Amino acid sequence: QQRIAIARALMMNPKALLLDEITSALDPEMTSEVLKILESLAA
């Protein structure tokens, strides 16, 4: 759901993403999934 939320935000062609503790409710494995996406976007 969080990865889809990131994709949904990107659909609007934003100039910046504001991310508010988006992994705080996730277990370590799910957190790792989301952070990998953020790392790829940062790259």
ModelCIF file with pLDDT and N, C-alpha, C, O atoms, coordinates in Angstrom:
data_MODEL
#
_entry.id   MODEL 
#
_entity.id                         1 
_entity.type                       polymer 
_entity.pdbx_number_of_molecules   1 
#
_entity_poly.entity_id                      1 
_entity_poly.type                           'polypeptide(L)' 
_entity_poly.nstd_linkage                   no 
_entity_poly.nstd_monomer                   no 
_entity_poly.pdbx_seq_one_letter_code       QQRIAIARALMMNPKALLLDEITSALDPEMTSEVLKILESLAA 
_entity_poly.pdbx_seq_one_letter_code_can   QQRIAIARALMMNPKALLLDEITSALDPEMTSEVLKILESLAA 
_entity_poly.pdbx_strand_id                 A 
#
loop_
_entity_poly_seq.entity_id 
_entity_poly_seq.num 
_entity_poly_seq.mon_id 
_entity_poly_seq.hetero 
1 1  GLN n 
1 2  GLN n 
1 3  ARG n 
1 4  ILE n 
1 5  ALA n 
1 6  ILE n 
1 7  ALA n 
1 8  ARG n 
1 9  ALA n 
1 10 LEU n 
1 11 MET n 
1 12 MET n 
1 13 ASN n 
1 14 PRO n 
1 15 LYS n 
1 16 ALA n 
1 17 LEU n 
1 18 LEU n 
1 19 LEU n 
1 20 ASP n 
1 21 GLU n 
1 22 ILE n 
1 23 THR n 
1 24 SER n 
1 25 ALA n 
1 26 LEU n 
1 27 ASP n 
1 28 PRO n 
1 29 GLU n 
1 30 MET n 
1 31 THR n 
1 32 SER n 
1 33 GLU n 
1 34 VAL n 
1 35 LEU n 
1 36 LYS n 
1 37 ILE n 
1 38 LEU n 
1 39 GLU n 
1 40 SER n 
1 41 LEU n 
1 42 ALA n 
1 43 ALA n 
#
_struct_asym.id          A 
_struct_asym.entity_id   1 
#
loop_
_ma_qa_metric.id 
_ma_qa_metric.mode 
_ma_qa_metric.name 
_ma_qa_metric.software_group_id 
_ma_qa_metric.type 
1 global pLDDT . pLDDT 
2 local  pLDDT . pLDDT 
#
_ma_qa_metric_global.metric_id      1 
_ma_qa_metric_global.metric_value   90.37 
_ma_qa_metric_global.model_id       1 
_ma_qa_metric_global.ordinal_id     1 
#
loop_
_ma_qa_metric_local.label_asym_id 
_ma_qa_metric_local.label_comp_id 
_ma_qa_metric_local.label_seq_id 
_ma_qa_metric_local.metric_id 
_ma_qa_metric_local.metric_value 
_ma_qa_metric_local.model_id 
_ma_qa_metric_local.ordinal_id 
A GLN 1  2 91.00 1 1  
A GLN 2  2 91.00 1 2  
A ARG 3  2 92.00 1 3  
A ILE 4  2 93.00 1 4  
A ALA 5  2 92.00 1 5  
A ILE 6  2 93.00 1 6  
A ALA 7  2 94.00 1 7  
A ARG 8  2 94.00 1 8  
A ALA 9  2 94.00 1 9  
A LEU 10 2 94.00 1 10 
A MET 11 2 95.00 1 11 
A MET 12 2 93.00 1 12 
A ASN 13 2 91.00 1 13 
A PRO 14 2 92.00 1 14 
A LYS 15 2 91.00 1 15 
A ALA 16 2 93.00 1 16 
A LEU 17 2 94.00 1 17 
A LEU 18 2 96.00 1 18 
A LEU 19 2 95.00 1 19 
A ASP 20 2 94.00 1 20 
A GLU 21 2 91.00 1 21 
A ILE 22 2 90.00 1 22 
A THR 23 2 88.00 1 23 
A SER 24 2 84.00 1 24 
A ALA 25 2 80.00 1 25 
A LEU 26 2 84.00 1 26 
A ASP 27 2 86.00 1 27 
A PRO 28 2 87.00 1 28 
A GLU 29 2 86.00 1 29 
A MET 30 2 86.00 1 30 
A THR 31 2 88.00 1 31 
A SER 32 2 89.00 1 32 
A GLU 33 2 88.00 1 33 
A VAL 34 2 89.00 1 34 
A LEU 35 2 89.00 1 35 
A LYS 36 2 89.00 1 36 
A ILE 37 2 91.00 1 37 
A LEU 38 2 91.00 1 38 
A GLU 39 2 90.00 1 39 
A SER 40 2 90.00 1 40 
A LEU 41 2 90.00 1 41 
A ALA 42 2 89.00 1 42 
A ALA 43 2 89.00 1 43 
#
loop_
_atom_site.group_PDB 
_atom_site.id 
_atom_site.type_symbol 
_atom_site.label_atom_id 
_atom_site.label_alt_id 
_atom_site.label_comp_id 
_atom_site.label_asym_id 
_atom_site.label_entity_id 
_atom_site.label_seq_id 
_atom_site.pdbx_PDB_ins_code 
_atom_site.Cartn_x 
_atom_site.Cartn_y 
_atom_site.Cartn_z 
_atom_site.occupancy 
_atom_site.B_iso_or_equiv 
_atom_site.pdbx_formal_charge 
_atom_site.auth_seq_id 
_atom_site.auth_comp_id 
_atom_site.auth_asym_id 
_atom_site.auth_atom_id 
_atom_site.pdbx_PDB_model_num 
ATOM 1   N N  . GLN A 1 1  ? 0.827  -1.207 0.000   1.00 91.00 ? 1  GLN A N  1 
ATOM 2   C CA . GLN A 1 1  ? 0.000  0.000  0.000   1.00 91.00 ? 1  GLN A CA 1 
ATOM 3   C C  . GLN A 1 1  ? 0.866  1.264  0.000   1.00 91.00 ? 1  GLN A C  1 
ATOM 4   O O  . GLN A 1 1  ? 0.541  2.237  -0.679  1.00 91.00 ? 1  GLN A O  1 
ATOM 5   N N  . GLN A 1 2  ? 1.954  1.251  0.751   1.00 91.00 ? 2  GLN A N  1 
ATOM 6   C CA . GLN A 1 2  ? 2.811  2.433  0.778   1.00 91.00 ? 2  GLN A CA 1 
ATOM 7   C C  . GLN A 1 2  ? 3.515  2.636  -0.563  1.00 91.00 ? 2  GLN A C  1 
ATOM 8   O O  . GLN A 1 2  ? 3.681  3.770  -1.013  1.00 91.00 ? 2  GLN A O  1 
ATOM 9   N N  . ARG A 1 3  ? 3.928  1.544  -1.197  1.00 92.00 ? 3  ARG A N  1 
ATOM 10  C CA . ARG A 1 3  ? 4.568  1.679  -2.507  1.00 92.00 ? 3  ARG A CA 1 
ATOM 11  C C  . ARG A 1 3  ? 3.577  2.218  -3.544  1.00 92.00 ? 3  ARG A C  1 
ATOM 12  O O  . ARG A 1 3  ? 3.945  3.001  -4.420  1.00 92.00 ? 3  ARG A O  1 
ATOM 13  N N  . ILE A 1 4  ? 2.314  1.787  -3.432  1.00 93.00 ? 4  ILE A N  1 
ATOM 14  C CA . ILE A 1 4  ? 1.281  2.303  -4.329  1.00 93.00 ? 4  ILE A CA 1 
ATOM 15  C C  . ILE A 1 4  ? 1.011  3.779  -4.029  1.00 93.00 ? 4  ILE A C  1 
ATOM 16  O O  . ILE A 1 4  ? 0.761  4.567  -4.941  1.00 93.00 ? 4  ILE A O  1 
ATOM 17  N N  . ALA A 1 5  ? 1.064  4.143  -2.755  1.00 92.00 ? 5  ALA A N  1 
ATOM 18  C CA . ALA A 1 5  ? 0.866  5.551  -2.393  1.00 92.00 ? 5  ALA A CA 1 
ATOM 19  C C  . ALA A 1 5  ? 1.964  6.428  -3.009  1.00 92.00 ? 5  ALA A C  1 
ATOM 20  O O  . ALA A 1 5  ? 1.693  7.545  -3.449  1.00 92.00 ? 5  ALA A O  1 
ATOM 21  N N  . ILE A 1 6  ? 3.197  5.922  -3.038  1.00 93.00 ? 6  ILE A N  1 
ATOM 22  C CA . ILE A 1 6  ? 4.294  6.660  -3.675  1.00 93.00 ? 6  ILE A CA 1 
ATOM 23  C C  . ILE A 1 6  ? 4.020  6.792  -5.172  1.00 93.00 ? 6  ILE A C  1 
ATOM 24  O O  . ILE A 1 6  ? 4.186  7.868  -5.746  1.00 93.00 ? 6  ILE A O  1 
ATOM 25  N N  . ALA A 1 7  ? 3.600  5.694  -5.802  1.00 94.00 ? 7  ALA A N  1 
ATOM 26  C CA . ALA A 1 7  ? 3.279  5.738  -7.232  1.00 94.00 ? 7  ALA A CA 1 
ATOM 27  C C  . ALA A 1 7  ? 2.145  6.721  -7.493  1.00 94.00 ? 7  ALA A C  1 
ATOM 28  O O  . ALA A 1 7  ? 2.175  7.464  -8.474  1.00 94.00 ? 7  ALA A O  1 
ATOM 29  N N  . ARG A 1 8  ? 1.143  6.726  -6.613  1.00 94.00 ? 8  ARG A N  1 
ATOM 30  C CA . ARG A 1 8  ? 0.005  7.644  -6.780  1.00 94.00 ? 8  ARG A CA 1 
ATOM 31  C C  . ARG A 1 8  ? 0.466  9.096  -6.714  1.00 94.00 ? 8  ARG A C  1 
ATOM 32  O O  . ARG A 1 8  ? 0.005  9.933  -7.490  1.00 94.00 ? 8  ARG A O  1 
ATOM 33  N N  . ALA A 1 9  ? 1.371  9.394  -5.790  1.00 94.00 ? 9  ALA A N  1 
ATOM 34  C CA . ALA A 1 9  ? 1.897  10.758 -5.698  1.00 94.00 ? 9  ALA A CA 1 
ATOM 35  C C  . ALA A 1 9  ? 2.661  11.126 -6.957  1.00 94.00 ? 9  ALA A C  1 
ATOM 36  O O  . ALA A 1 9  ? 2.550  12.253 -7.439  1.00 94.00 ? 9  ALA A O  1 
ATOM 37  N N  . LEU A 1 10 ? 3.440  10.189 -7.500  1.00 94.00 ? 10 LEU A N  1 
ATOM 38  C CA . LEU A 1 10 ? 4.232  10.451 -8.703  1.00 94.00 ? 10 LEU A CA 1 
ATOM 39  C C  . LEU A 1 10 ? 3.364  10.632 -9.950  1.00 94.00 ? 10 LEU A C  1 
ATOM 40  O O  . LEU A 1 10 ? 3.800  11.233 -10.931 1.00 94.00 ? 10 LEU A O  1 
ATOM 41  N N  . MET A 1 11 ? 2.141  10.114 -9.910  1.00 95.00 ? 11 MET A N  1 
ATOM 42  C CA . MET A 1 11 ? 1.233  10.267 -11.044 1.00 95.00 ? 11 MET A CA 1 
ATOM 43  C C  . MET A 1 11 ? 0.957  11.731 -11.366 1.00 95.00 ? 11 MET A C  1 
ATOM 44  O O  . MET A 1 11 ? 0.649  12.067 -12.509 1.00 95.00 ? 11 MET A O  1 
ATOM 45  N N  . MET A 1 12 ? 1.066  12.611 -10.359 1.00 93.00 ? 12 MET A N  1 
ATOM 46  C CA . MET A 1 12 ? 0.733  14.023 -10.540 1.00 93.00 ? 12 MET A CA 1 
ATOM 47  C C  . MET A 1 12 ? 1.933  14.860 -10.991 1.00 93.00 ? 12 MET A C  1 
ATOM 48  O O  . MET A 1 12 ? 1.860  16.088 -11.020 1.00 93.00 ? 12 MET A O  1 
ATOM 49  N N  . ASN A 1 13 ? 3.025  14.200 -11.337 1.00 91.00 ? 13 ASN A N  1 
ATOM 50  C CA . ASN A 1 13 ? 4.244  14.901 -11.779 1.00 91.00 ? 13 ASN A CA 1 
ATOM 51  C C  . ASN A 1 13 ? 4.699  15.957 -10.773 1.00 91.00 ? 13 ASN A C  1 
ATOM 52  O O  . ASN A 1 13 ? 4.948  17.102 -11.152 1.00 91.00 ? 13 ASN A O  1 
ATOM 53  N N  . PRO A 1 14 ? 4.810  15.586 -9.490  1.00 92.00 ? 14 PRO A N  1 
ATOM 54  C CA . PRO A 1 14 ? 5.187  16.587 -8.489  1.00 92.00 ? 14 PRO A CA 1 
ATOM 55  C C  . PRO A 1 14 ? 6.636  17.016 -8.650  1.00 92.00 ? 14 PRO A C  1 
ATOM 56  O O  . PRO A 1 14 ? 7.470  16.271 -9.165  1.00 92.00 ? 14 PRO A O  1 
ATOM 57  N N  . LYS A 1 15 ? 6.915  18.224 -8.202  1.00 91.00 ? 15 LYS A N  1 
ATOM 58  C CA . LYS A 1 15 ? 8.293  18.715 -8.203  1.00 91.00 ? 15 LYS A CA 1 
ATOM 59  C C  . LYS A 1 15 ? 9.026  18.262 -6.943  1.00 91.00 ? 15 LYS A C  1 
ATOM 60  O O  . LYS A 1 15 ? 10.255 18.306 -6.886  1.00 91.00 ? 15 LYS A O  1 
ATOM 61  N N  . ALA A 1 16 ? 8.272  17.826 -5.934  1.00 93.00 ? 16 ALA A N  1 
ATOM 62  C CA . ALA A 1 16 ? 8.871  17.307 -4.697  1.00 93.00 ? 16 ALA A CA 1 
ATOM 63  C C  . ALA A 1 16 ? 7.918  16.306 -4.070  1.00 93.00 ? 16 ALA A C  1 
ATOM 64  O O  . ALA A 1 16 ? 6.700  16.420 -4.206  1.00 93.00 ? 16 ALA A O  1 
ATOM 65  N N  . LEU A 1 17 ? 8.488  15.315 -3.376  1.00 94.00 ? 17 LEU A N  1 
ATOM 66  C CA . LEU A 1 17 ? 7.703  14.372 -2.588  1.00 94.00 ? 17 LEU A CA 1 
ATOM 67  C C  . LEU A 1 17 ? 7.908  14.690 -1.106  1.00 94.00 ? 17 LEU A C  1 
ATOM 68  O O  . LEU A 1 17 ? 9.042  14.821 -0.645  1.00 94.00 ? 17 LEU A O  1 
ATOM 69  N N  . LEU A 1 18 ? 6.810  14.814 -0.368  1.00 96.00 ? 18 LEU A N  1 
ATOM 70  C CA . LEU A 1 18 ? 6.854  15.024 1.072   1.00 96.00 ? 18 LEU A CA 1 
ATOM 71  C C  . LEU A 1 18 ? 6.446  13.705 1.726   1.00 96.00 ? 18 LEU A C  1 
ATOM 72  O O  . LEU A 1 18 ? 5.315  13.249 1.556   1.00 96.00 ? 18 LEU A O  1 
ATOM 73  N N  . LEU A 1 19 ? 7.360  13.096 2.470   1.00 95.00 ? 19 LEU A N  1 
ATOM 74  C CA . LEU A 1 19 ? 7.155  11.745 3.003   1.00 95.00 ? 19 LEU A CA 1 
ATOM 75  C C  . LEU A 1 19 ? 7.165  11.793 4.523   1.00 95.00 ? 19 LEU A C  1 
ATOM 76  O O  . LEU A 1 19 ? 8.188  12.092 5.139   1.00 95.00 ? 19 LEU A O  1 
ATOM 77  N N  . ASP A 1 20 ? 6.019  11.497 5.120   1.00 94.00 ? 20 ASP A N  1 
ATOM 78  C CA . ASP A 1 20 ? 5.861  11.654 6.563   1.00 94.00 ? 20 ASP A CA 1 
ATOM 79  C C  . ASP A 1 20 ? 5.837  10.308 7.268   1.00 94.00 ? 20 ASP A C  1 
ATOM 80  O O  . ASP A 1 20 ? 4.784  9.682  7.388   1.00 94.00 ? 20 ASP A O  1 
ATOM 81  N N  . GLU A 1 21 ? 7.011  9.860  7.740   1.00 91.00 ? 21 GLU A N  1 
ATOM 82  C CA . GLU A 1 21 ? 7.109  8.617  8.523   1.00 91.00 ? 21 GLU A CA 1 
ATOM 83  C C  . GLU A 1 21 ? 6.378  7.467  7.833   1.00 91.00 ? 21 GLU A C  1 
ATOM 84  O O  . GLU A 1 21 ? 5.594  6.755  8.461   1.00 91.00 ? 21 GLU A O  1 
ATOM 85  N N  . ILE A 1 22 ? 6.638  7.291  6.548   1.00 90.00 ? 22 ILE A N  1 
ATOM 86  C CA . ILE A 1 22 ? 5.823  6.335  5.800   1.00 90.00 ? 22 ILE A CA 1 
ATOM 87  C C  . ILE A 1 22 ? 6.143  4.881  6.123   1.00 90.00 ? 22 ILE A C  1 
ATOM 88  O O  . ILE A 1 22 ? 5.420  3.985  5.690   1.00 90.00 ? 22 ILE A O  1 
ATOM 89  N N  . THR A 1 23 ? 7.214  4.629  6.877   1.00 88.00 ? 23 THR A N  1 
ATOM 90  C CA . THR A 1 23 ? 7.521  3.248  7.256   1.00 88.00 ? 23 THR A CA 1 
ATOM 91  C C  . THR A 1 23 ? 7.248  2.967  8.736   1.00 88.00 ? 23 THR A C  1 
ATOM 92  O O  . THR A 1 23 ? 7.558  1.882  9.227   1.00 88.00 ? 23 THR A O  1 
ATOM 93  N N  . SER A 1 24 ? 6.670  3.934  9.444   1.00 84.00 ? 24 SER A N  1 
ATOM 94  C CA . SER A 1 24 ? 6.555  3.800  10.905  1.00 84.00 ? 24 SER A CA 1 
ATOM 95  C C  . SER A 1 24 ? 5.638  2.661  11.334  1.00 84.00 ? 24 SER A C  1 
ATOM 96  O O  . SER A 1 24 ? 5.812  2.102  12.417  1.00 84.00 ? 24 SER A O  1 
ATOM 97  N N  . ALA A 1 25 ? 4.661  2.310  10.495  1.00 80.00 ? 25 ALA A N  1 
ATOM 98  C CA . ALA A 1 25 ? 3.718  1.254  10.866  1.00 80.00 ? 25 ALA A CA 1 
ATOM 99  C C  . ALA A 1 25 ? 4.041  -0.083 10.210  1.00 80.00 ? 25 ALA A C  1 
ATOM 100 O O  . ALA A 1 25 ? 3.245  -1.019 10.278  1.00 80.00 ? 25 ALA A O  1 
ATOM 101 N N  . LEU A 1 26 ? 5.207  -0.174 9.574   1.00 84.00 ? 26 LEU A N  1 
ATOM 102 C CA . LEU A 1 26 ? 5.558  -1.379 8.830   1.00 84.00 ? 26 LEU A CA 1 
ATOM 103 C C  . LEU A 1 26 ? 6.573  -2.228 9.575   1.00 84.00 ? 26 LEU A C  1 
ATOM 104 O O  . LEU A 1 26 ? 7.375  -1.715 10.356  1.00 84.00 ? 26 LEU A O  1 
ATOM 105 N N  . ASP A 1 27 ? 6.531  -3.529 9.327   1.00 86.00 ? 27 ASP A N  1 
ATOM 106 C CA . ASP A 1 27 ? 7.542  -4.405 9.918   1.00 86.00 ? 27 ASP A CA 1 
ATOM 107 C C  . ASP A 1 27 ? 8.844  -4.248 9.128   1.00 86.00 ? 27 ASP A C  1 
ATOM 108 O O  . ASP A 1 27 ? 8.840  -3.646 8.055   1.00 86.00 ? 27 ASP A O  1 
ATOM 109 N N  . PRO A 1 28 ? 9.957  -4.779 9.641   1.00 87.00 ? 28 PRO A N  1 
ATOM 110 C CA . PRO A 1 28 ? 11.259 -4.557 8.988   1.00 87.00 ? 28 PRO A CA 1 
ATOM 111 C C  . PRO A 1 28 ? 11.315 -4.965 7.533   1.00 87.00 ? 28 PRO A C  1 
ATOM 112 O O  . PRO A 1 28 ? 11.936 -4.276 6.724   1.00 87.00 ? 28 PRO A O  1 
ATOM 113 N N  . GLU A 1 29 ? 10.672 -6.086 7.176   1.00 86.00 ? 29 GLU A N  1 
ATOM 114 C CA . GLU A 1 29 ? 10.713 -6.539 5.787   1.00 86.00 ? 29 GLU A CA 1 
ATOM 115 C C  . GLU A 1 29 ? 9.970  -5.564 4.874   1.00 86.00 ? 29 GLU A C  1 
ATOM 116 O O  . GLU A 1 29 ? 10.461 -5.214 3.801   1.00 86.00 ? 29 GLU A O  1 
ATOM 117 N N  . MET A 1 30 ? 8.775  -5.124 5.308   1.00 86.00 ? 30 MET A N  1 
ATOM 118 C CA . MET A 1 30 ? 8.016  -4.168 4.510   1.00 86.00 ? 30 MET A CA 1 
ATOM 119 C C  . MET A 1 30 ? 8.735  -2.831 4.437   1.00 86.00 ? 30 MET A C  1 
ATOM 120 O O  . MET A 1 30 ? 8.724  -2.169 3.400   1.00 86.00 ? 30 MET A O  1 
ATOM 121 N N  . THR A 1 31 ? 9.365  -2.432 5.547   1.00 88.00 ? 31 THR A N  1 
ATOM 122 C CA . THR A 1 31 ? 10.136 -1.185 5.570   1.00 88.00 ? 31 THR A CA 1 
ATOM 123 C C  . THR A 1 31 ? 11.238 -1.236 4.527   1.00 88.00 ? 31 THR A C  1 
ATOM 124 O O  . THR A 1 31 ? 11.457 -0.268 3.798   1.00 88.00 ? 31 THR A O  1 
ATOM 125 N N  . SER A 1 32 ? 11.931 -2.364 4.457   1.00 89.00 ? 32 SER A N  1 
ATOM 126 C CA . SER A 1 32 ? 13.012 -2.523 3.486   1.00 89.00 ? 32 SER A CA 1 
ATOM 127 C C  . SER A 1 32 ? 12.505 -2.371 2.060   1.00 89.00 ? 32 SER A C  1 
ATOM 128 O O  . SER A 1 32 ? 13.178 -1.774 1.221   1.00 89.00 ? 32 SER A O  1 
ATOM 129 N N  . GLU A 1 33 ? 11.308 -2.915 1.781   1.00 88.00 ? 33 GLU A N  1 
ATOM 130 C CA . GLU A 1 33 ? 10.721 -2.810 0.444   1.00 88.00 ? 33 GLU A CA 1 
ATOM 131 C C  . GLU A 1 33 ? 10.511 -1.345 0.062   1.00 88.00 ? 33 GLU A C  1 
ATOM 132 O O  . GLU A 1 33 ? 10.859 -0.921 -1.040  1.00 88.00 ? 33 GLU A O  1 
ATOM 133 N N  . VAL A 1 34 ? 9.938  -0.586 0.988   1.00 89.00 ? 34 VAL A N  1 
ATOM 134 C CA . VAL A 1 34 ? 9.626  0.814  0.702   1.00 89.00 ? 34 VAL A CA 1 
ATOM 135 C C  . VAL A 1 34 ? 10.901 1.636  0.559   1.00 89.00 ? 34 VAL A C  1 
ATOM 136 O O  . VAL A 1 34 ? 10.996 2.472  -0.340  1.00 89.00 ? 34 VAL A O  1 
ATOM 137 N N  . LEU A 1 35 ? 11.886 1.411  1.435   1.00 89.00 ? 35 LEU A N  1 
ATOM 138 C CA . LEU A 1 35 ? 13.120 2.185  1.388   1.00 89.00 ? 35 LEU A CA 1 
ATOM 139 C C  . LEU A 1 35 ? 13.894 1.934  0.091   1.00 89.00 ? 35 LEU A C  1 
ATOM 140 O O  . LEU A 1 35 ? 14.556 2.835  -0.423  1.00 89.00 ? 35 LEU A O  1 
ATOM 141 N N  . LYS A 1 36 ? 13.809 0.720  -0.430  1.00 89.00 ? 36 LYS A N  1 
ATOM 142 C CA . LYS A 1 36 ? 14.467 0.431  -1.713  1.00 89.00 ? 36 LYS A CA 1 
ATOM 143 C C  . LYS A 1 36 ? 13.873 1.285  -2.826  1.00 89.00 ? 36 LYS A C  1 
ATOM 144 O O  . LYS A 1 36 ? 14.593 1.762  -3.703  1.00 89.00 ? 36 LYS A O  1 
ATOM 145 N N  . ILE A 1 37 ? 12.551 1.476  -2.787  1.00 91.00 ? 37 ILE A N  1 
ATOM 146 C CA . ILE A 1 37 ? 11.898 2.324  -3.784  1.00 91.00 ? 37 ILE A CA 1 
ATOM 147 C C  . ILE A 1 37 ? 12.376 3.760  -3.647  1.00 91.00 ? 37 ILE A C  1 
ATOM 148 O O  . ILE A 1 37 ? 12.670 4.417  -4.645  1.00 91.00 ? 37 ILE A O  1 
ATOM 149 N N  . LEU A 1 38 ? 12.455 4.250  -2.411  1.00 91.00 ? 38 LEU A N  1 
ATOM 150 C CA . LEU A 1 38 ? 12.909 5.624  -2.195  1.00 91.00 ? 38 LEU A CA 1 
ATOM 151 C C  . LEU A 1 38 ? 14.354 5.800  -2.649  1.00 91.00 ? 38 LEU A C  1 
ATOM 152 O O  . LEU A 1 38 ? 14.711 6.834  -3.212  1.00 91.00 ? 38 LEU A O  1 
ATOM 153 N N  . GLU A 1 39 ? 15.178 4.793  -2.404  1.00 90.00 ? 39 GLU A N  1 
ATOM 154 C CA . GLU A 1 39 ? 16.574 4.852  -2.851  1.00 90.00 ? 39 GLU A CA 1 
ATOM 155 C C  . GLU A 1 39 ? 16.657 4.937  -4.370  1.00 90.00 ? 39 GLU A C  1 
ATOM 156 O O  . GLU A 1 39 ? 17.477 5.681  -4.909  1.00 90.00 ? 39 GLU A O  1 
ATOM 157 N N  . SER A 1 40 ? 15.817 4.182  -5.054  1.00 90.00 ? 40 SER A N  1 
ATOM 158 C CA . SER A 1 40 ? 15.845 4.212  -6.521  1.00 90.00 ? 40 SER A CA 1 
ATOM 159 C C  . SER A 1 40 ? 15.354 5.561  -7.036  1.00 90.00 ? 40 SER A C  1 
ATOM 160 O O  . SER A 1 40 ? 15.880 6.072  -8.025  1.00 90.00 ? 40 SER A O  1 
ATOM 161 N N  . LEU A 1 41 ? 14.350 6.146  -6.375  1.00 90.00 ? 41 LEU A N  1 
ATOM 162 C CA . LEU A 1 41 ? 13.867 7.469  -6.774  1.00 90.00 ? 41 LEU A CA 1 
ATOM 163 C C  . LEU A 1 41 ? 14.938 8.523  -6.524  1.00 90.00 ? 41 LEU A C  1 
ATOM 164 O O  . LEU A 1 41 ? 15.125 9.432  -7.333  1.00 90.00 ? 41 LEU A O  1 
ATOM 165 N N  . ALA A 1 42 ? 15.636 8.397  -5.403  1.00 89.00 ? 42 ALA A N  1 
ATOM 166 C CA . ALA A 1 42 ? 16.717 9.344  -5.094  1.00 89.00 ? 42 ALA A CA 1 
ATOM 167 C C  . ALA A 1 42 ? 17.806 9.274  -6.162  1.00 89.00 ? 42 ALA A C  1 
ATOM 168 O O  . ALA A 1 42 ? 18.351 10.298 -6.573  1.00 89.00 ? 42 ALA A O  1 
ATOM 169 N N  . ALA A 1 43 ? 18.119 8.049  -6.609  1.00 89.00 ? 43 ALA A N  1 
ATOM 170 C CA . ALA A 1 43 ? 19.145 7.878  -7.637  1.00 89.00 ? 43 ALA A CA 1 
ATOM 171 C C  . ALA A 1 43 ? 18.734 8.515  -8.956  1.00 89.00 ? 43 ALA A C  1 
ATOM 172 O O  . ALA A 1 43 ? 19.487 8.461  -9.929  1.00 89.00 ? 43 ALA A O  1 
#
